Protein backbone atom coordinates (compact mmCIF):
# COMPACT_ATOMS: atom_id res chain seq x y z
CA UNK A 1 -56.11 12.40 -5.23
CA UNK A 2 -59.15 10.14 -5.96
CA UNK A 3 -62.64 11.53 -6.19
CA UNK A 4 -66.09 9.88 -5.99
CA UNK A 5 -68.38 10.20 -9.04
CA UNK A 6 -72.25 10.53 -8.62
CA UNK A 7 -74.81 10.95 -11.36
CA UNK A 8 -76.51 14.40 -11.09
CA UNK A 9 -80.19 14.77 -11.98
CA UNK A 10 -80.82 16.14 -15.41
CA UNK A 11 -82.46 19.52 -15.88
CA UNK A 12 -86.24 19.19 -15.75
CA UNK A 13 -87.77 19.62 -19.19
CA UNK A 14 -91.43 20.37 -18.78
CA UNK A 15 -92.31 19.86 -22.43
CA UNK A 16 -91.22 16.15 -22.28
CA UNK A 17 -94.23 15.33 -20.12
CA UNK A 18 -92.32 14.61 -16.85
CA UNK A 19 -93.16 16.24 -13.62
CA UNK A 20 -90.32 17.24 -11.38
CA UNK A 21 -91.21 14.56 -8.89
CA UNK A 22 -91.35 11.92 -11.61
CA UNK A 23 -87.98 13.00 -12.94
CA UNK A 24 -86.31 12.75 -9.55
CA UNK A 25 -87.77 9.28 -9.01
CA UNK A 26 -86.47 8.19 -12.39
CA UNK A 27 -82.99 9.68 -11.75
CA UNK A 28 -82.77 7.89 -8.47
CA UNK A 29 -83.60 4.57 -10.14
CA UNK A 30 -80.91 5.22 -12.79
CA UNK A 31 -78.26 6.26 -10.29
CA UNK A 32 -78.85 3.04 -8.39
CA UNK A 33 -77.74 1.06 -11.37
CA UNK A 34 -74.21 2.76 -11.29
CA UNK A 35 -71.45 1.93 -8.77
CA UNK A 36 -69.57 4.62 -6.98
CA UNK A 37 -66.02 4.61 -8.28
CA UNK A 38 -62.98 6.70 -7.41
CA UNK A 39 -59.95 7.78 -9.40
CA UNK A 40 -56.80 5.88 -8.35
CA UNK A 41 -58.60 2.66 -7.43
CA UNK A 42 -58.54 -0.88 -8.79
CA UNK A 43 -61.92 -1.77 -10.30
CA UNK A 44 -63.39 -4.71 -12.19
CA UNK A 45 -64.49 -4.32 -15.77
CA UNK A 46 -66.20 -6.48 -18.41
CA UNK A 47 -64.74 -6.74 -21.89
CA UNK A 48 -67.31 -5.38 -24.35
CA UNK A 49 -65.16 -4.97 -27.43
CA UNK A 50 -61.58 -5.74 -28.58
CA UNK A 51 -60.16 -3.36 -31.16
CA UNK A 52 -56.90 -3.20 -33.02
CA UNK A 53 -55.20 -0.92 -30.49
CA UNK A 54 -57.40 -1.07 -27.42
CA UNK A 55 -59.74 -3.08 -25.30
CA UNK A 56 -63.11 -1.51 -24.35
CA UNK A 57 -64.31 -2.25 -20.83
CA UNK A 58 -67.54 -1.57 -19.00
CA UNK A 59 -66.81 -0.81 -15.36
CA UNK A 60 -70.41 0.04 -14.48
CA UNK A 61 -70.06 3.74 -15.11
CA UNK A 62 -72.02 5.99 -17.42
CA UNK A 63 -69.26 5.70 -20.01
CA UNK A 64 -66.97 2.92 -21.07
CA UNK A 65 -63.21 2.90 -20.59
CA UNK A 66 -60.29 1.88 -22.77
CA UNK A 67 -57.06 -0.01 -22.06
CA UNK A 68 -54.14 -0.15 -24.54
CA UNK A 69 -54.01 -3.60 -26.10
CA UNK A 70 -50.26 -3.91 -25.35
CA UNK A 71 -51.11 -4.12 -21.64
CA UNK A 72 -52.56 -7.55 -22.28
CA UNK A 73 -49.50 -9.80 -22.79
CA UNK A 74 -51.80 -12.73 -23.79
CA UNK A 75 -54.50 -10.92 -25.73
CA UNK A 76 -55.44 -14.11 -27.55
CA UNK A 77 -56.75 -15.51 -24.28
CA UNK A 78 -59.04 -12.50 -23.70
CA UNK A 79 -62.65 -12.72 -25.02
CA UNK A 80 -65.73 -10.54 -24.85
CA UNK A 81 -67.51 -10.92 -21.55
CA UNK A 82 -64.37 -11.66 -19.51
CA UNK A 83 -63.90 -9.77 -16.26
CA UNK A 84 -60.51 -8.17 -15.67
CA UNK A 85 -59.10 -5.89 -12.98
CA UNK A 86 -57.91 -2.46 -14.11
CA UNK A 87 -56.66 0.71 -12.46
CA UNK A 88 -58.72 3.86 -12.90
CA UNK A 89 -56.10 6.42 -14.00
CA UNK A 90 -58.56 9.21 -14.80
CA UNK A 91 -62.34 9.78 -14.86
CA UNK A 92 -62.10 11.25 -18.30
CA UNK A 93 -59.53 12.20 -20.83
CA UNK A 94 -59.70 14.99 -23.41
CA UNK A 95 -62.29 12.96 -25.27
CA UNK A 96 -64.43 12.49 -22.15
CA UNK A 97 -63.55 8.80 -21.79
CA UNK A 98 -62.32 6.86 -18.74
CA UNK A 99 -58.57 6.17 -18.68
CA UNK A 100 -57.87 2.64 -17.45
CA UNK A 101 -54.64 0.61 -16.98
CA UNK A 102 -54.34 -3.14 -16.76
CA UNK A 103 -50.54 -2.83 -16.21
CA UNK A 104 -50.95 -0.40 -13.32
CA UNK A 105 -53.52 -2.67 -11.73
CA UNK A 106 -51.09 -5.58 -11.86
CA UNK A 107 -48.39 -3.34 -10.34
CA UNK A 108 -50.66 -2.19 -7.51
CA UNK A 109 -51.57 -5.81 -6.63
CA UNK A 110 -47.86 -6.67 -6.51
CA UNK A 111 -47.11 -3.50 -4.55
CA UNK A 112 -49.73 -4.51 -1.98
CA UNK A 113 -48.09 -7.95 -1.71
CA UNK A 114 -44.64 -6.39 -1.33
CA UNK A 115 -45.94 -3.98 1.32
CA UNK A 116 -47.51 -6.85 3.27
CA UNK A 117 -44.27 -8.83 3.06
CA UNK A 118 -42.32 -5.85 4.38
CA UNK A 119 -44.64 -5.60 7.36
CA UNK A 120 -44.73 -9.33 8.04
CA UNK A 121 -41.12 -10.21 7.12
CA UNK A 122 -42.26 -12.71 4.51
CA UNK A 123 -39.54 -14.11 2.21
CA UNK A 124 -40.05 -13.43 -1.50
CA UNK A 125 -38.37 -14.91 -4.50
CA UNK A 126 -36.72 -12.72 -7.13
CA UNK A 127 -34.38 -12.89 -10.08
CA UNK A 128 -31.20 -10.83 -10.50
CA UNK A 129 -31.67 -8.81 -13.70
CA UNK A 130 -28.69 -6.53 -14.21
CA UNK A 131 -25.82 -4.87 -12.42
CA UNK A 132 -25.92 -1.18 -11.57
CA UNK A 133 -23.72 1.09 -9.48
CA UNK A 134 -23.67 -0.14 -5.89
CA UNK A 135 -25.62 -3.35 -6.45
CA UNK A 136 -28.06 -5.34 -8.58
CA UNK A 137 -31.59 -4.75 -9.94
CA UNK A 138 -33.88 -7.62 -8.89
CA UNK A 139 -37.18 -8.61 -10.58
CA UNK A 140 -39.47 -9.00 -7.55
CA UNK A 141 -42.74 -10.44 -8.84
CA UNK A 142 -42.68 -8.04 -11.79
CA UNK A 143 -41.39 -4.90 -10.15
CA UNK A 144 -37.78 -3.69 -9.98
CA UNK A 145 -36.15 -3.79 -6.56
CA UNK A 146 -32.63 -2.73 -5.55
CA UNK A 147 -30.24 -5.22 -3.96
CA UNK A 148 -27.19 -3.34 -2.49
CA UNK A 149 -23.82 -5.05 -2.84
CA UNK A 150 -23.46 -5.10 0.90
CA UNK A 151 -26.74 -7.03 1.27
CA UNK A 152 -25.96 -9.88 -1.09
CA UNK A 153 -24.11 -12.17 1.28
CA UNK A 154 -22.16 -12.23 4.54
CA UNK A 155 -19.05 -12.73 2.45
CA UNK A 156 -17.78 -9.95 0.16
CA UNK A 157 -18.99 -10.54 -3.41
CA UNK A 158 -16.20 -9.85 -5.88
CA UNK A 159 -18.05 -10.85 -9.11
CA UNK A 160 -21.54 -9.38 -9.30
CA UNK A 161 -21.94 -10.52 -12.92
CA UNK A 162 -21.93 -14.17 -11.83
CA UNK A 163 -25.26 -13.54 -10.08
CA UNK A 164 -27.08 -12.13 -13.08
CA UNK A 165 -30.03 -14.42 -14.01
CA UNK A 166 -29.91 -16.26 -10.70
CA UNK A 167 -33.09 -16.73 -8.67
CA UNK A 168 -32.71 -16.05 -4.93
CA UNK A 169 -34.75 -15.53 -1.77
CA UNK A 170 -35.07 -11.97 -0.48
CA UNK A 171 -36.60 -9.99 2.32
CA UNK A 172 -37.87 -6.47 1.78
CA UNK A 173 -35.91 -4.18 4.13
CA UNK A 174 -37.06 -0.75 2.94
CA UNK A 175 -39.98 0.73 1.01
CA UNK A 176 -40.35 4.30 -0.25
CA UNK A 177 -44.02 4.74 -1.11
CA UNK A 178 -43.89 8.17 -2.85
CA UNK A 179 -41.18 7.02 -5.26
CA UNK A 180 -42.27 3.36 -5.21
CA UNK A 181 -38.73 2.15 -4.51
CA UNK A 182 -38.01 -1.19 -2.86
CA UNK A 183 -34.76 -2.32 -1.25
CA UNK A 184 -34.23 -6.04 -0.59
CA UNK A 185 -31.62 -8.13 1.20
CA UNK A 186 -30.42 -11.67 0.83
CA UNK A 187 -27.69 -11.27 3.46
CA UNK A 188 -30.23 -10.97 6.25
CA UNK A 189 -31.61 -14.42 5.43
CA UNK A 190 -28.11 -15.93 5.36
CA UNK A 191 -27.35 -14.37 8.77
CA UNK A 192 -30.53 -15.85 10.23
CA UNK A 193 -29.67 -19.28 8.87
CA UNK A 194 -26.17 -18.99 10.30
CA UNK A 195 -27.24 -17.73 13.71
CA UNK A 196 -27.62 -21.20 15.18
CA UNK A 197 -24.41 -22.35 13.52
CA UNK A 198 -22.58 -19.27 14.86
CA UNK A 199 -23.90 -19.93 18.35
CA UNK A 200 -22.78 -23.56 18.21
CA UNK A 201 -19.28 -22.60 17.00
CA UNK A 202 -18.83 -19.94 19.67
CA UNK A 203 -20.06 -22.29 22.33
CA UNK A 204 -17.64 -25.07 21.41
CA UNK A 205 -14.48 -23.02 20.77
CA UNK A 206 -11.38 -23.94 22.72
CA UNK A 207 -7.64 -23.33 22.33
CA UNK A 208 -5.90 -25.85 20.15
CA UNK A 209 -9.05 -26.75 18.25
CA UNK A 210 -8.53 -27.29 14.51
CA UNK A 211 -11.23 -25.86 12.25
CA UNK A 212 -11.83 -25.59 8.53
CA UNK A 213 -12.62 -22.22 7.02
CA UNK A 214 -12.40 -20.15 3.87
CA UNK A 215 -10.35 -17.05 3.25
CA UNK A 216 -12.87 -14.17 3.45
CA UNK A 217 -10.58 -11.15 3.22
CA UNK A 218 -6.84 -10.38 3.01
CA UNK A 219 -5.30 -7.28 4.61
CA UNK A 220 -1.74 -6.08 5.15
CA UNK A 221 -1.76 -7.35 8.73
CA UNK A 222 -3.42 -10.71 8.26
CA UNK A 223 -6.18 -12.93 6.85
CA UNK A 224 -9.83 -13.12 7.94
CA UNK A 225 -11.18 -16.64 7.93
CA UNK A 226 -14.91 -17.50 7.68
CA UNK A 227 -15.47 -20.43 10.03
CA UNK A 228 -19.12 -20.82 9.01
CA UNK A 229 -20.76 -17.65 10.22
CA UNK A 230 -17.99 -16.59 12.57
CA UNK A 231 -14.85 -14.76 11.47
CA UNK A 232 -11.39 -15.31 12.91
CA UNK A 233 -8.05 -13.58 12.19
CA UNK A 234 -4.79 -15.21 11.26
CA UNK A 235 -2.17 -12.55 11.95
CA UNK A 236 0.59 -12.24 9.35
CA UNK A 237 3.08 -13.57 11.91
CA UNK A 238 1.02 -16.75 12.28
CA UNK A 239 0.82 -17.52 8.55
CA UNK A 240 4.25 -18.97 8.07
CA UNK A 241 7.37 -19.85 10.05
CA UNK A 242 9.23 -17.86 7.46
CA UNK A 243 9.31 -14.17 6.64
CA UNK A 244 6.09 -12.93 4.97
CA UNK A 245 5.92 -9.57 3.20
CA UNK A 246 2.19 -9.80 2.50
CA UNK A 247 -0.43 -12.46 3.38
CA UNK A 248 -1.30 -12.90 -0.29
CA UNK A 249 2.01 -14.73 -0.67
CA UNK A 250 0.58 -17.58 1.44
CA UNK A 251 -3.20 -17.75 0.78
CA UNK A 252 -5.74 -16.69 -1.83
CA UNK A 253 -9.28 -15.38 -1.55
CA UNK A 254 -11.94 -18.10 -1.10
CA UNK A 255 -9.26 -20.70 -0.46
CA UNK A 256 -10.32 -23.40 2.02
CA UNK A 257 -7.70 -24.03 4.73
CA UNK A 258 -7.34 -25.61 8.13
CA UNK A 259 -6.50 -23.37 11.08
CA UNK A 260 -5.96 -23.81 14.81
CA UNK A 261 -7.57 -21.72 17.52
CA UNK A 262 -4.81 -19.80 19.35
CA UNK A 263 -7.01 -17.59 21.57
CA UNK A 264 -10.63 -16.59 22.00
CA UNK A 265 -12.16 -13.48 23.63
CA UNK A 266 -15.68 -14.50 24.66
CA UNK A 267 -16.81 -10.93 25.35
CA UNK A 268 -15.46 -9.29 22.22
CA UNK A 269 -16.08 -12.38 20.08
CA UNK A 270 -12.52 -12.21 18.74
CA UNK A 271 -10.94 -15.40 17.56
CA UNK A 272 -7.17 -15.58 16.99
CA UNK A 273 -6.20 -18.32 14.58
CA UNK A 274 -2.93 -19.88 13.47
CA UNK A 275 -1.96 -21.42 10.16
CA UNK A 276 1.76 -22.06 10.53
CA UNK A 277 1.15 -23.96 13.76
CA UNK A 278 -0.25 -26.84 11.73
CA UNK A 279 3.08 -27.12 9.86
CA UNK A 280 6.20 -28.77 11.32
CA UNK A 281 8.52 -26.31 13.03
CA UNK A 282 11.51 -25.83 10.69
CA UNK A 283 13.98 -25.76 13.64
CA UNK A 284 13.20 -29.36 14.62
CA UNK A 285 16.32 -31.48 14.11
CA UNK A 286 18.04 -28.50 12.52
CA UNK A 287 21.39 -29.51 13.97
CA UNK A 288 21.24 -32.64 11.82
CA UNK A 289 20.11 -30.81 8.75
CA UNK A 290 22.59 -27.89 8.98
CA UNK A 291 25.71 -28.94 10.91
CA UNK A 292 28.50 -26.40 11.38
CA UNK A 293 30.62 -26.13 8.24
CA UNK A 294 27.73 -26.90 5.88
CA UNK A 295 27.54 -24.87 2.67
CA UNK A 296 24.04 -23.45 2.14
CA UNK A 297 22.28 -21.28 -0.41
CA UNK A 298 19.82 -18.59 0.62
CA UNK A 299 18.12 -15.33 -0.20
CA UNK A 300 19.10 -11.94 1.23
CA UNK A 301 15.91 -10.82 3.02
CA UNK A 302 17.21 -7.98 5.24
CA UNK A 303 20.16 -5.58 5.46
CA UNK A 304 21.25 -3.86 8.69
CA UNK A 305 24.26 -1.76 9.64
CA UNK A 306 25.94 -4.82 11.15
CA UNK A 307 25.16 -7.49 8.58
CA UNK A 308 22.77 -9.30 6.23
CA UNK A 309 20.02 -11.79 7.12
CA UNK A 310 19.81 -14.79 4.77
CA UNK A 311 16.70 -16.99 4.47
CA UNK A 312 17.97 -20.54 4.04
CA UNK A 313 14.43 -21.89 3.95
CA UNK A 314 11.01 -20.74 5.22
CA UNK A 315 11.40 -20.09 8.93
CA UNK A 316 15.19 -20.44 9.02
CA UNK A 317 17.35 -17.36 8.72
CA UNK A 318 21.01 -16.77 9.47
CA UNK A 319 23.10 -13.65 9.91
CA UNK A 320 26.24 -12.83 7.98
CA UNK A 321 28.05 -10.30 10.13
CA UNK A 322 30.02 -7.68 8.17
CA UNK A 323 33.19 -9.09 9.75
CA UNK A 324 32.45 -12.42 8.00
CA UNK A 325 32.06 -10.92 4.51
CA UNK A 326 35.66 -10.36 3.48
CA UNK A 327 39.09 -11.50 4.65
CA UNK A 328 40.74 -8.28 3.62
CA UNK A 329 38.19 -5.59 2.75
CA UNK A 330 37.00 -3.27 5.52
CA UNK A 331 33.22 -3.64 4.98
CA UNK A 332 31.36 -0.67 6.47
CA UNK A 333 27.90 -1.77 5.27
CA UNK A 334 26.68 -5.12 3.90
CA UNK A 335 25.36 -3.40 0.77
CA UNK A 336 28.99 -3.17 -0.37
CA UNK A 337 28.97 -6.95 -0.80
CA UNK A 338 25.35 -8.19 -1.16
CA UNK A 339 21.97 -6.77 -2.22
CA UNK A 340 18.33 -7.40 -1.26
CA UNK A 341 16.81 -10.47 -2.93
CA UNK A 342 20.19 -11.82 -4.05
CA UNK A 343 20.72 -15.58 -3.84
CA UNK A 344 24.12 -16.33 -2.28
CA UNK A 345 26.15 -19.23 -0.89
CA UNK A 346 27.36 -19.19 2.71
CA UNK A 347 28.97 -21.41 5.35
CA UNK A 348 27.35 -22.35 8.68
CA UNK A 349 29.71 -20.99 11.31
CA UNK A 350 27.64 -21.62 14.44
CA UNK A 351 24.12 -22.72 15.38
CA UNK A 352 22.20 -21.81 18.53
CA UNK A 353 19.05 -23.94 18.50
CA UNK A 354 17.68 -22.64 21.81
CA UNK A 355 17.84 -19.01 20.72
CA UNK A 356 17.19 -19.84 17.05
CA UNK A 357 20.31 -18.13 15.79
CA UNK A 358 22.60 -19.12 12.96
CA UNK A 359 25.86 -17.40 12.18
CA UNK A 360 26.93 -17.50 8.54
CA UNK A 361 30.02 -16.48 6.65
CA UNK A 362 30.81 -15.89 3.00
CA UNK A 363 34.51 -15.10 3.25
CA UNK A 364 35.03 -18.75 4.36
CA UNK A 365 34.12 -19.83 0.83
CA UNK A 366 37.68 -18.76 -0.15
CA UNK A 367 41.06 -19.46 1.45
CA UNK A 368 42.18 -17.04 4.14
CA UNK A 369 44.72 -14.79 2.42
CA UNK A 370 46.16 -13.77 5.80
CA UNK A 371 47.68 -17.21 6.17
CA UNK A 372 50.00 -16.40 3.27
CA UNK A 373 50.66 -12.78 4.25
CA UNK A 374 53.62 -13.74 6.46
CA UNK A 375 55.32 -15.14 3.41
CA UNK A 376 54.42 -12.16 1.25
CA UNK A 377 55.16 -9.55 3.89
CA UNK A 378 57.90 -10.87 6.17
CA UNK A 379 59.00 -8.74 9.14
CA UNK A 380 61.70 -6.12 8.21
CA UNK A 381 60.75 -6.29 4.51
CA UNK A 382 60.33 -2.93 2.78
CA UNK A 383 57.32 -1.93 0.69
CA UNK A 384 55.55 1.08 -0.81
CA UNK A 385 51.93 1.80 -0.04
CA UNK A 386 49.26 4.48 -0.37
CA UNK A 387 47.99 6.58 2.53
CA UNK A 388 44.28 5.79 2.86
CA UNK A 389 43.40 7.39 6.17
CA UNK A 390 44.84 9.63 8.89
CA UNK A 391 43.94 9.42 12.57
CA UNK A 392 45.29 11.05 15.71
CA UNK A 393 47.29 7.93 16.50
CA UNK A 394 48.70 7.07 13.08
CA UNK A 395 48.45 6.45 9.36
CA UNK A 396 46.62 3.61 7.59
CA UNK A 397 48.52 2.49 4.52
CA UNK A 398 47.17 0.23 1.79
CA UNK A 399 49.83 -2.29 0.73
CA UNK A 400 47.56 -3.93 -1.87
CA UNK A 401 43.83 -4.23 -2.58
CA UNK A 402 42.23 -5.14 0.76
CA UNK A 403 45.48 -5.30 2.74
CA UNK A 404 46.11 -2.33 5.07
CA UNK A 405 48.70 -1.67 7.74
CA UNK A 406 49.14 0.98 10.44
CA UNK A 407 52.07 3.30 11.00
CA UNK A 408 51.82 4.48 14.59
CA UNK A 409 52.56 8.19 15.05
CA UNK A 410 55.64 7.31 17.08
CA UNK A 411 57.05 5.36 14.11
CA UNK A 412 56.89 8.25 11.64
CA UNK A 413 60.11 10.05 12.67
CA UNK A 414 63.19 9.41 14.81
CA UNK A 415 63.76 13.09 15.62
CA UNK A 416 60.55 15.13 15.19
CA UNK A 417 57.95 15.65 17.90
CA UNK A 418 54.88 14.96 15.63
CA UNK A 419 51.53 15.98 17.06
CA UNK A 420 49.45 14.74 14.12
CA UNK A 421 50.34 12.53 11.11
CA UNK A 422 49.11 15.29 8.83
CA UNK A 423 52.35 17.16 9.61
CA UNK A 424 54.25 14.48 7.69
CA UNK A 425 51.88 12.97 5.04
CA UNK A 426 48.46 13.52 3.52
CA UNK A 427 45.79 11.18 2.15
CA UNK A 428 46.68 9.68 -1.21
CA UNK A 429 50.47 10.06 -0.75
CA UNK A 430 52.77 7.18 -1.57
CA UNK A 431 54.94 6.24 1.37
CA UNK A 432 57.77 3.77 1.97
CA UNK A 433 57.32 1.48 4.96
CA UNK A 434 58.92 -1.39 6.83
CA UNK A 435 56.95 -4.41 8.12
CA UNK A 436 57.26 -4.39 11.90
CA UNK A 437 54.81 -7.22 12.65
CA UNK A 438 51.89 -9.30 11.28
CA UNK A 439 49.14 -10.49 13.65
CA UNK A 440 47.12 -13.05 11.70
CA UNK A 441 44.53 -13.60 14.47
CA UNK A 442 43.77 -9.88 14.89
CA UNK A 443 44.21 -9.18 11.16
CA UNK A 444 46.75 -6.41 11.87
CA UNK A 445 49.95 -5.35 10.16
CA UNK A 446 52.25 -2.96 12.04
CA UNK A 447 54.30 -0.68 9.81
CA UNK A 448 57.15 1.72 10.41
CA UNK A 449 58.46 4.64 8.40
CA UNK A 450 61.32 5.93 10.51
CA UNK A 451 62.79 2.40 10.54
CA UNK A 452 63.80 2.90 6.94
CA UNK A 453 66.76 4.81 8.43
CA UNK A 454 69.08 3.85 11.25
CA UNK A 455 68.33 5.06 14.69
CA UNK A 456 70.32 8.37 14.99
CA UNK A 457 70.10 8.47 18.75
CA UNK A 458 73.24 6.39 19.03
CA UNK A 459 75.13 9.21 17.27
CA UNK A 460 73.26 11.89 19.22
CA UNK A 461 74.68 10.49 22.45
CA UNK A 462 78.12 11.81 21.54
CA UNK A 463 76.90 14.96 19.79
CA UNK A 464 74.70 16.07 22.65
CA UNK A 465 76.56 15.20 25.79
CA UNK A 466 75.56 17.06 28.93
CA UNK A 467 77.40 20.43 28.91
CA UNK A 468 77.53 20.69 25.12
CA UNK A 469 76.75 24.20 23.88
CA UNK A 470 74.53 24.49 20.78
CA UNK A 471 72.14 26.80 19.04
CA UNK A 472 68.48 25.95 18.71
CA UNK A 473 65.63 27.48 16.71
CA UNK A 474 62.24 27.78 18.40
CA UNK A 475 59.69 25.69 16.50
CA UNK A 476 56.87 25.46 19.06
CA UNK A 477 55.90 27.24 22.25
CA UNK A 478 54.13 25.35 25.05
CA UNK A 479 52.97 26.30 28.52
CA UNK A 480 56.04 24.78 30.25
CA UNK A 481 58.67 26.01 27.81
CA UNK A 482 59.72 25.89 24.15
CA UNK A 483 60.58 23.20 21.63
CA UNK A 484 63.72 23.93 19.65
CA UNK A 485 65.19 22.33 16.55
CA UNK A 486 68.89 21.47 17.02
CA UNK A 487 71.59 20.74 14.48
CA UNK A 488 71.22 17.23 12.94
CA UNK A 489 67.48 17.85 12.74
CA UNK A 490 66.58 16.68 16.23
CA UNK A 491 64.20 18.51 18.60
CA UNK A 492 64.99 19.45 22.18
CA UNK A 493 63.06 20.96 25.06
CA UNK A 494 63.90 24.17 26.99
CA UNK A 495 61.92 24.38 30.25
CA UNK A 496 60.49 27.74 31.33
CA UNK A 497 62.89 27.85 34.34
CA UNK A 498 65.82 27.45 31.92
CA UNK A 499 64.84 30.42 29.79
CA UNK A 500 65.30 32.96 32.59
CA UNK A 501 66.40 33.12 36.21
CA UNK A 502 63.42 35.38 36.90
CA UNK A 503 59.71 34.76 36.42
CA UNK A 504 58.26 35.04 32.89
CA UNK A 505 54.65 36.20 32.97
CA UNK A 506 53.84 35.58 29.28
CA UNK A 507 56.14 33.22 27.42
CA UNK A 508 54.42 33.88 24.07
CA UNK A 509 55.32 37.61 24.31
CA UNK A 510 58.92 36.95 25.19
CA UNK A 511 59.68 34.26 22.60
CA UNK A 512 58.55 33.79 19.01
CA UNK A 513 58.71 30.81 16.67
CA UNK A 514 61.90 31.20 14.65
CA UNK A 515 63.93 32.78 17.49
CA UNK A 516 67.47 31.43 17.82
CA UNK A 517 68.56 30.62 21.37
CA UNK A 518 72.05 29.93 22.80
CA UNK A 519 71.75 26.62 24.71
CA UNK A 520 73.58 24.13 26.86
CA UNK A 521 72.56 20.47 27.10
CA UNK A 522 71.58 19.68 30.69
CA UNK A 523 69.96 16.24 30.13
CA UNK A 524 70.19 13.54 27.45
CA UNK A 525 68.07 10.33 27.50
CA UNK A 526 68.69 8.03 24.56
CA UNK A 527 65.99 5.51 25.47
CA UNK A 528 63.32 8.17 25.92
CA UNK A 529 64.74 10.15 22.98
CA UNK A 530 64.82 13.28 25.10
CA UNK A 531 67.20 16.24 25.09
CA UNK A 532 66.71 18.98 27.71
CA UNK A 533 68.54 22.29 27.24
CA UNK A 534 69.07 25.56 29.14
CA UNK A 535 69.73 29.18 28.19
CA UNK A 536 70.48 29.97 31.84
CA UNK A 537 73.29 27.43 31.96
CA UNK A 538 74.71 28.74 28.69
CA UNK A 539 74.83 32.31 30.05
CA UNK A 540 76.21 31.28 33.42
CA UNK A 541 79.81 32.58 33.69
CA UNK A 542 79.48 34.61 30.48
CA UNK A 543 80.02 38.37 30.36
CA UNK A 544 77.14 40.44 31.76
CA UNK A 545 76.95 42.25 28.41
CA UNK A 546 75.91 38.99 26.71
CA UNK A 547 73.32 38.36 29.43
CA UNK A 548 71.91 41.89 29.07
CA UNK A 549 71.62 41.50 25.29
CA UNK A 550 69.58 38.30 25.79
CA UNK A 551 67.40 40.00 28.41
CA UNK A 552 66.82 43.02 26.17
CA UNK A 553 66.04 40.92 23.09
CA UNK A 554 63.32 38.99 24.87
CA UNK A 555 62.10 41.80 27.12
CA UNK A 556 62.85 39.88 30.31
CA UNK A 557 63.43 41.23 33.84
CA UNK A 558 67.15 41.85 34.61
CA UNK A 559 69.06 38.71 35.67
CA UNK A 560 72.52 38.18 37.20
CA UNK A 561 74.06 34.76 36.77
CA UNK A 562 77.62 35.41 38.07
CA UNK A 563 77.12 34.01 41.60
CA UNK A 564 73.73 32.26 41.13
CA UNK A 565 73.42 28.58 41.85
CA UNK A 566 72.11 26.30 39.07
CA UNK A 567 68.38 25.56 39.28
CA UNK A 568 67.36 22.22 37.79
CA UNK A 569 64.03 21.81 35.94
CA UNK A 570 61.02 21.19 38.17
CA UNK A 571 59.15 17.86 38.14
CA UNK A 572 56.37 19.43 36.05
CA UNK A 573 58.94 20.66 33.57
CA UNK A 574 60.57 17.23 33.38
CA UNK A 575 57.16 15.72 32.70
CA UNK A 576 56.58 18.33 29.99
CA UNK A 577 59.99 17.44 28.49
CA UNK A 578 58.98 13.79 28.31
CA UNK A 579 55.54 14.59 26.87
CA UNK A 580 56.96 16.93 24.22
CA UNK A 581 58.86 14.11 22.54
CA UNK A 582 55.83 11.89 22.14
C-alpha cells in the first residue's frame, strides 16, 4: 500500500538564533521545494551519478535513490542529467535510501497498455516464446502471456513447436491483476475474420453444390471438413463406394478434398457432405465388366453363418454361399474354407444389377466330381463306408472323403422292427452297403444295408402261412399288443385282443419281455412285411388244462375257448400291426 511522504519541521533549537516563527517559515519554504511522492508509483528521476553497479537518481525527494545498473539494457546511452521513469519500490531500505526500479516501471507501463487493450479490445502483437503444458508462452510487449492450445486457431493445432518464434496478432481475453497473469487468444481474431465468410457460405449452400475443404478432424464415424469457417461432416458411409473400416483409410488430416453437399439443416447449421458421390459408381456397366462365368479375384471382407462376402473391387462385393464352396464337403461355416482378409479366386454365378447382388462360387473352379460318381458308384454296386452320423430316419455313411450316402432306417433290416438306427450301428462303425441310387442334381446317394442279403419274405410266405402254429418270444410291449421274435429271426405282432378273450387292464403286468408265447399265424402280408399272430387262436380247441396254465402264468381272468367264436383284430390293432413293422 503506497503512502505519501511530507517533510516534518525540525525541532526548534533556540541557541541557533531562530525563533519558532522563523523556523516554521523556513521549513515551509523548504517543503515547497519537494514533491509529494507515494510508494508504488511511477516517478521521474534525473541521473546524478552512474556507478559500477548502480545508477543514482534524484526524484525530488530529500534523499536520492538507486537503480541496479542491469536494469538499463543500454547503459551506454544513459548520461548524467537524463530523465528516466522509475518505479518507487520503497521509501527507504535498511540503509535509509529510496528503492527504485527501472524494470518495474517499464512493466507497469506495459501492464497499463495491456489493461487498456483488454478493456477496448485492441489487437496486440506478440511472439510465441516456448511451449508449456496446455499451450504456449507469448512475449506480449515484454511481459509473458499465456496462449491456451484451444485459443490458437479454429482448427486443431497438432504441432505446437512449429509456432515457436512466430509473431502473431492477439487479443487479451483475461487479466488477473493480483497475480499479474494475462491470457490471450488468436482464435477469436480468426473467427471474426471468418464470420463474413461463414455467413456467405451458409447463405449460398444448396444440395448438390461442390465445395473445396480441408480435413479438420477424423473420427470413427466420419470426417469433419473445414469449408472455410464452416464445418461439414462426411459420414463414413459416404467416403467410399467400398467397405471402409476407418475413415483414415481414405483421407488424411489437413488434406484438401472436394466434397458435395448432400443435405443442410439451416436451424442446426449441420452440413452433410459426400465424397464418394464425386466418384463414378462402380456398378455402372458392371454387366459388361463382370459377365456371368468370369473368373475374379477378391478379398474376404466378411463371414456370416451362410457364406462369405468377397470384395472384388471398391464398392463391388459378391457372396459365396456355403453351398457353393465345395462339391462334396458339407460346409457348416465358411471359416472351414476361407478366412478374413484372404485373397481368393471365384466364378461369377449370377449378377443382379438392380439389387446390387453378385453370387459367386469357388467350387466351380474345379470339375464337378458328382458327374463321375455314377461311374465310380453304379447302382447295385457294393462298398464299405464309415458311419458318420445317426438320425431318427437313417444313417449317414461316408464312402470317401467328401462323399456321403444315406441308409434309410427301413433299409437297415429285412426282418427287425428298428425304432432307431442306434439299435443296429453306432458312430464310427464300418458298414457294408449297396448303392440304391445316385441323384446328381440333388447331390444324394441312397444306400441300403439289408439289400446285401436276399429278401427273406419270399421264403417266409411258405413258413408262415395263415394257421401255422409257432412259438414267439416277447421283445417289445406296446399299447395295442406285443412284438414277438419268431423263428428265422423275423418279428411278428400279437394284438391285445389276441392275447386273451377277456379284457386285460395292464398289459405290462401280464406280459414281460422274454416271455415265450404259443401262437398261430392269423395274417401274413409279404408286401407290407407284416405277420399278425394270436394266442387265442392257438388255444382254441385245446384242452382246458392248457388254457388254464396260460391264464395262470399271465394272471389273466378265466377264459373258455371251447365254443367261443373267433374275434379278428380291431381296426386300431391292424393299424398298430402295420405301424410296428416300420
